[in-house]
Amino acid sequence: AVVSTQSTGDEEENKVPERWYNAIIPLVVLVFISLLRMYFDGKQVILESGDDLPITFMNCASKCNSINCLIVGTSVSLMLTLVSENTDYYFNTKDGSIIIQSKDQ
């Protein structure tokens, strides 16, 4: 089989720009949402069980449904990645905000 190493113009037009935040932002969202979900899920389990455990992150993390938390975090991160594929976001260095606009503009 012969494999062509030449790229066509269409492939270069549809290629997503390789920027560091295209990978970092979904990973940060995955970790943040998973940890947040672990806290609230574990807190709910502790309150419903009637244990006299203090509501700390470690107690909540030990009582939570970790698979559910990871699935929710992964789903939110995946949705963000799919949305960001159709938008172009960049950092405003003056005030540190993130600006999101459609690629069609």
N, C-alpha and C. Protein backbone atom coordinates (compact mmCIF):
# COMPACT_ATOMS: atom_id res chain seq x y z
N ALA A 1 0.84 -1.18 0.00
CA ALA A 1 0.00 0.00 0.00
C ALA A 1 0.89 1.23 0.00
N VAL A 2 0.49 2.20 -0.79
CA VAL A 2 1.23 3.46 -0.89
C VAL A 2 0.53 4.50 -0.03
N VAL A 3 1.28 5.13 0.84
CA VAL A 3 0.73 6.15 1.71
C VAL A 3 1.27 7.50 1.27
N SER A 4 0.38 8.43 1.02
CA SER A 4 0.78 9.77 0.59
C SER A 4 1.07 10.62 1.82
N THR A 5 2.20 11.31 1.80
CA THR A 5 2.55 12.20 2.91
C THR A 5 2.21 13.64 2.60
N GLN A 6 1.66 13.88 1.42
CA GLN A 6 1.30 15.24 1.06
C GLN A 6 -0.05 15.58 1.66
N SER A 7 -0.16 16.79 2.17
CA SER A 7 -1.45 17.22 2.73
C SER A 7 -2.18 18.08 1.71
N THR A 8 -3.48 18.01 1.78
CA THR A 8 -4.29 18.83 0.88
C THR A 8 -4.63 20.14 1.55
N GLY A 9 -5.09 21.09 0.77
CA GLY A 9 -5.45 22.40 1.31
C GLY A 9 -6.62 22.33 2.27
N ASP A 10 -7.57 21.38 2.04
CA ASP A 10 -8.73 21.24 2.92
C ASP A 10 -8.33 20.82 4.32
N GLU A 11 -7.35 19.93 4.44
CA GLU A 11 -6.91 19.48 5.75
C GLU A 11 -6.30 20.61 6.55
N GLU A 12 -5.55 21.47 5.89
CA GLU A 12 -4.92 22.59 6.58
C GLU A 12 -5.94 23.64 7.00
N GLU A 13 -7.01 23.81 6.20
CA GLU A 13 -8.04 24.79 6.54
C GLU A 13 -8.85 24.34 7.76
N ASN A 14 -9.13 23.04 7.86
CA ASN A 14 -9.97 22.52 8.94
C ASN A 14 -9.18 22.17 10.20
N LYS A 15 -7.88 22.32 10.17
CA LYS A 15 -7.06 21.95 11.33
C LYS A 15 -7.24 22.97 12.46
N VAL A 16 -7.44 22.43 13.67
CA VAL A 16 -7.57 23.28 14.85
C VAL A 16 -6.18 23.80 15.21
N PRO A 17 -6.04 25.09 15.47
CA PRO A 17 -4.72 25.61 15.84
C PRO A 17 -4.20 24.94 17.10
N GLU A 18 -2.92 24.63 17.09
CA GLU A 18 -2.31 23.97 18.24
C GLU A 18 -1.88 25.03 19.25
N ARG A 19 -2.72 25.21 20.26
CA ARG A 19 -2.45 26.16 21.33
C ARG A 19 -2.46 25.41 22.64
N TRP A 20 -1.65 25.84 23.58
CA TRP A 20 -1.51 25.12 24.84
C TRP A 20 -2.82 25.08 25.61
N TYR A 21 -3.61 26.13 25.55
CA TYR A 21 -4.83 26.17 26.35
C TYR A 21 -5.94 25.32 25.76
N ASN A 22 -5.80 24.85 24.51
CA ASN A 22 -6.78 23.92 23.96
C ASN A 22 -6.72 22.58 24.70
N ALA A 23 -5.60 22.27 25.33
CA ALA A 23 -5.48 21.04 26.12
C ALA A 23 -5.61 21.31 27.61
N ILE A 24 -5.08 22.42 28.09
CA ILE A 24 -5.04 22.67 29.53
C ILE A 24 -6.42 23.00 30.10
N ILE A 25 -7.20 23.81 29.41
CA ILE A 25 -8.51 24.22 29.94
C ILE A 25 -9.44 23.02 30.16
N PRO A 26 -9.58 22.09 29.19
CA PRO A 26 -10.43 20.91 29.48
C PRO A 26 -9.90 20.05 30.63
N LEU A 27 -8.58 19.93 30.77
CA LEU A 27 -8.02 19.15 31.88
C LEU A 27 -8.29 19.80 33.22
N VAL A 28 -8.14 21.12 33.28
CA VAL A 28 -8.42 21.84 34.52
C VAL A 28 -9.90 21.72 34.88
N VAL A 29 -10.77 21.82 33.88
CA VAL A 29 -12.21 21.67 34.11
C VAL A 29 -12.52 20.26 34.61
N LEU A 30 -11.88 19.24 34.03
CA LEU A 30 -12.09 17.86 34.47
C LEU A 30 -11.74 17.69 35.94
N VAL A 31 -10.58 18.18 36.35
CA VAL A 31 -10.16 18.04 37.74
C VAL A 31 -11.07 18.84 38.67
N PHE A 32 -11.37 20.09 38.31
CA PHE A 32 -12.18 20.96 39.15
C PHE A 32 -13.58 20.40 39.34
N ILE A 33 -14.24 20.02 38.26
CA ILE A 33 -15.61 19.50 38.35
C ILE A 33 -15.64 18.18 39.12
N SER A 34 -14.64 17.32 38.89
CA SER A 34 -14.60 16.04 39.60
C SER A 34 -14.44 16.25 41.11
N LEU A 35 -13.52 17.14 41.50
CA LEU A 35 -13.32 17.40 42.93
C LEU A 35 -14.54 18.07 43.56
N LEU A 36 -15.15 19.01 42.84
CA LEU A 36 -16.34 19.68 43.34
C LEU A 36 -17.49 18.69 43.52
N ARG A 37 -17.65 17.82 42.54
CA ARG A 37 -18.70 16.80 42.61
C ARG A 37 -18.44 15.82 43.75
N MET A 38 -17.16 15.46 43.97
CA MET A 38 -16.82 14.57 45.08
C MET A 38 -17.22 15.18 46.42
N TYR A 39 -16.97 16.47 46.58
CA TYR A 39 -17.32 17.13 47.84
C TYR A 39 -18.82 17.11 48.07
N PHE A 40 -19.60 17.55 47.07
CA PHE A 40 -21.04 17.65 47.28
C PHE A 40 -21.72 16.28 47.35
N ASP A 41 -21.23 15.30 46.60
CA ASP A 41 -21.79 13.96 46.66
C ASP A 41 -21.50 13.32 48.02
N GLY A 42 -20.26 13.46 48.48
CA GLY A 42 -19.90 12.92 49.79
C GLY A 42 -20.62 13.61 50.93
N LYS A 43 -20.80 14.92 50.82
CA LYS A 43 -21.52 15.68 51.84
C LYS A 43 -22.96 15.19 51.94
N GLN A 44 -23.59 14.95 50.80
CA GLN A 44 -24.95 14.45 50.80
C GLN A 44 -25.03 13.07 51.46
N VAL A 45 -24.07 12.21 51.18
CA VAL A 45 -24.06 10.86 51.78
C VAL A 45 -23.88 10.96 53.29
N ILE A 46 -22.97 11.83 53.75
CA ILE A 46 -22.74 11.99 55.19
C ILE A 46 -23.99 12.51 55.89
N LEU A 47 -24.65 13.52 55.29
CA LEU A 47 -25.84 14.09 55.91
C LEU A 47 -27.01 13.10 55.93
N GLU A 48 -27.15 12.31 54.86
CA GLU A 48 -28.25 11.34 54.81
C GLU A 48 -28.01 10.15 55.73
N SER A 49 -26.75 9.80 55.97
CA SER A 49 -26.47 8.63 56.81
C SER A 49 -26.59 8.94 58.30
N GLY A 50 -26.52 10.21 58.67
CA GLY A 50 -26.63 10.58 60.07
C GLY A 50 -25.35 10.37 60.85
N ASP A 51 -24.23 10.15 60.16
CA ASP A 51 -22.94 10.01 60.86
C ASP A 51 -22.56 11.31 61.52
N ASP A 52 -21.78 11.20 62.56
CA ASP A 52 -21.29 12.39 63.25
C ASP A 52 -19.94 12.86 62.69
N LEU A 53 -19.67 12.52 61.44
CA LEU A 53 -18.42 12.95 60.81
C LEU A 53 -18.47 14.45 60.51
N PRO A 54 -17.37 15.15 60.72
CA PRO A 54 -17.34 16.56 60.29
C PRO A 54 -17.32 16.63 58.77
N ILE A 55 -17.89 17.70 58.23
CA ILE A 55 -17.94 17.87 56.79
C ILE A 55 -16.60 18.47 56.32
N THR A 56 -15.65 17.60 56.05
CA THR A 56 -14.36 18.01 55.49
C THR A 56 -14.23 17.38 54.12
N PHE A 57 -13.30 17.90 53.32
CA PHE A 57 -13.14 17.35 51.97
C PHE A 57 -12.72 15.88 52.03
N MET A 58 -11.83 15.53 52.93
CA MET A 58 -11.36 14.14 53.02
C MET A 58 -12.49 13.19 53.41
N ASN A 59 -13.33 13.59 54.33
CA ASN A 59 -14.47 12.74 54.70
C ASN A 59 -15.46 12.63 53.55
N CYS A 60 -15.69 13.74 52.87
CA CYS A 60 -16.61 13.72 51.72
C CYS A 60 -16.05 12.86 50.60
N ALA A 61 -14.75 12.96 50.35
CA ALA A 61 -14.13 12.18 49.28
C ALA A 61 -14.15 10.69 49.60
N SER A 62 -14.06 10.34 50.87
CA SER A 62 -14.09 8.93 51.23
C SER A 62 -15.50 8.34 51.16
N LYS A 63 -16.53 9.16 51.26
CA LYS A 63 -17.92 8.67 51.25
C LYS A 63 -18.59 8.81 49.89
N CYS A 64 -17.98 9.53 48.94
CA CYS A 64 -18.66 9.81 47.67
C CYS A 64 -18.61 8.60 46.73
N ASN A 65 -19.43 8.67 45.69
CA ASN A 65 -19.40 7.70 44.61
C ASN A 65 -18.41 8.23 43.58
N SER A 66 -17.15 7.77 43.65
CA SER A 66 -16.08 8.37 42.85
C SER A 66 -16.26 8.14 41.35
N ILE A 67 -16.81 7.00 40.98
CA ILE A 67 -17.02 6.72 39.55
C ILE A 67 -18.01 7.72 38.97
N ASN A 68 -19.09 7.98 39.70
CA ASN A 68 -20.08 8.95 39.26
C ASN A 68 -19.45 10.34 39.11
N CYS A 69 -18.60 10.71 40.06
CA CYS A 69 -17.95 12.02 40.01
C CYS A 69 -17.03 12.15 38.81
N LEU A 70 -16.28 11.09 38.51
CA LEU A 70 -15.39 11.12 37.36
C LEU A 70 -16.16 11.13 36.04
N ILE A 71 -17.28 10.43 35.99
CA ILE A 71 -18.09 10.44 34.77
C ILE A 71 -18.66 11.83 34.52
N VAL A 72 -19.15 12.49 35.57
CA VAL A 72 -19.69 13.85 35.42
C VAL A 72 -18.58 14.81 34.99
N GLY A 73 -17.41 14.72 35.63
CA GLY A 73 -16.29 15.59 35.26
C GLY A 73 -15.84 15.37 33.84
N THR A 74 -15.77 14.12 33.41
CA THR A 74 -15.37 13.80 32.04
C THR A 74 -16.40 14.30 31.04
N SER A 75 -17.67 14.15 31.37
CA SER A 75 -18.73 14.60 30.46
C SER A 75 -18.70 16.11 30.27
N VAL A 76 -18.54 16.85 31.35
CA VAL A 76 -18.48 18.31 31.25
C VAL A 76 -17.25 18.73 30.46
N SER A 77 -16.12 18.07 30.71
CA SER A 77 -14.88 18.39 29.98
C SER A 77 -15.03 18.07 28.49
N LEU A 78 -15.68 16.96 28.17
CA LEU A 78 -15.91 16.60 26.78
C LEU A 78 -16.81 17.62 26.08
N MET A 79 -17.87 18.06 26.77
CA MET A 79 -18.76 19.07 26.19
C MET A 79 -18.00 20.38 25.93
N LEU A 80 -17.16 20.76 26.88
CA LEU A 80 -16.36 21.97 26.71
C LEU A 80 -15.44 21.83 25.51
N THR A 81 -14.82 20.67 25.34
CA THR A 81 -13.93 20.45 24.21
C THR A 81 -14.68 20.51 22.90
N LEU A 82 -15.86 19.92 22.84
CA LEU A 82 -16.65 19.95 21.60
C LEU A 82 -17.13 21.36 21.27
N VAL A 83 -17.50 22.13 22.30
CA VAL A 83 -17.92 23.51 22.07
C VAL A 83 -16.73 24.36 21.64
N SER A 84 -15.59 24.14 22.27
CA SER A 84 -14.43 24.98 21.95
C SER A 84 -13.86 24.65 20.58
N GLU A 85 -14.20 23.48 20.02
CA GLU A 85 -13.76 23.15 18.67
C GLU A 85 -14.44 24.06 17.65
N ASN A 86 -15.65 24.50 17.95
CA ASN A 86 -16.40 25.35 17.04
C ASN A 86 -16.29 26.83 17.38
N THR A 87 -15.55 27.15 18.41
CA THR A 87 -15.35 28.55 18.78
C THR A 87 -13.86 28.81 18.89
N ASP A 88 -13.53 30.05 18.92
CA ASP A 88 -12.14 30.44 19.08
C ASP A 88 -12.06 31.30 20.32
N TYR A 89 -11.40 30.82 21.36
CA TYR A 89 -11.29 31.61 22.57
C TYR A 89 -9.83 31.97 22.79
N TYR A 90 -9.63 33.10 23.36
CA TYR A 90 -8.27 33.55 23.61
C TYR A 90 -8.26 34.39 24.87
N PHE A 91 -7.08 34.56 25.42
CA PHE A 91 -6.94 35.30 26.65
C PHE A 91 -6.72 36.78 26.36
N ASN A 92 -7.41 37.61 27.14
CA ASN A 92 -7.18 39.04 27.09
C ASN A 92 -6.12 39.35 28.13
N THR A 93 -4.94 39.72 27.69
CA THR A 93 -3.82 39.88 28.62
C THR A 93 -3.95 41.12 29.48
N LYS A 94 -4.81 42.05 29.11
CA LYS A 94 -4.94 43.28 29.90
C LYS A 94 -5.64 43.02 31.23
N ASP A 95 -6.75 42.27 31.20
CA ASP A 95 -7.47 42.02 32.45
C ASP A 95 -7.58 40.54 32.80
N GLY A 96 -6.96 39.66 32.01
CA GLY A 96 -6.94 38.24 32.33
C GLY A 96 -8.21 37.49 32.00
N SER A 97 -9.13 38.11 31.27
CA SER A 97 -10.39 37.45 30.96
C SER A 97 -10.24 36.57 29.72
N ILE A 98 -11.19 35.65 29.55
CA ILE A 98 -11.22 34.79 28.38
C ILE A 98 -12.31 35.30 27.46
N ILE A 99 -11.97 35.53 26.20
CA ILE A 99 -12.92 36.05 25.21
C ILE A 99 -13.30 34.89 24.29
N ILE A 100 -14.59 34.65 24.11
CA ILE A 100 -15.09 33.56 23.28
C ILE A 100 -15.87 34.16 22.12
N GLN A 101 -15.52 33.76 20.91
CA GLN A 101 -16.28 34.21 19.74
C GLN A 101 -16.34 33.07 18.74
N SER A 102 -17.34 33.10 17.88
CA SER A 102 -17.51 32.06 16.88
C SER A 102 -16.44 32.16 15.82
N LYS A 103 -16.04 31.02 15.25
CA LYS A 103 -15.02 31.02 14.20
C LYS A 103 -15.58 31.58 12.89
N ASP A 104 -16.91 31.65 12.79
CA ASP A 104 -17.53 32.12 11.56
C ASP A 104 -17.38 33.63 11.40
N GLN A 105 -17.10 34.36 12.48
CA GLN A 105 -17.03 35.81 12.40
C GLN A 105 -15.73 36.25 11.80
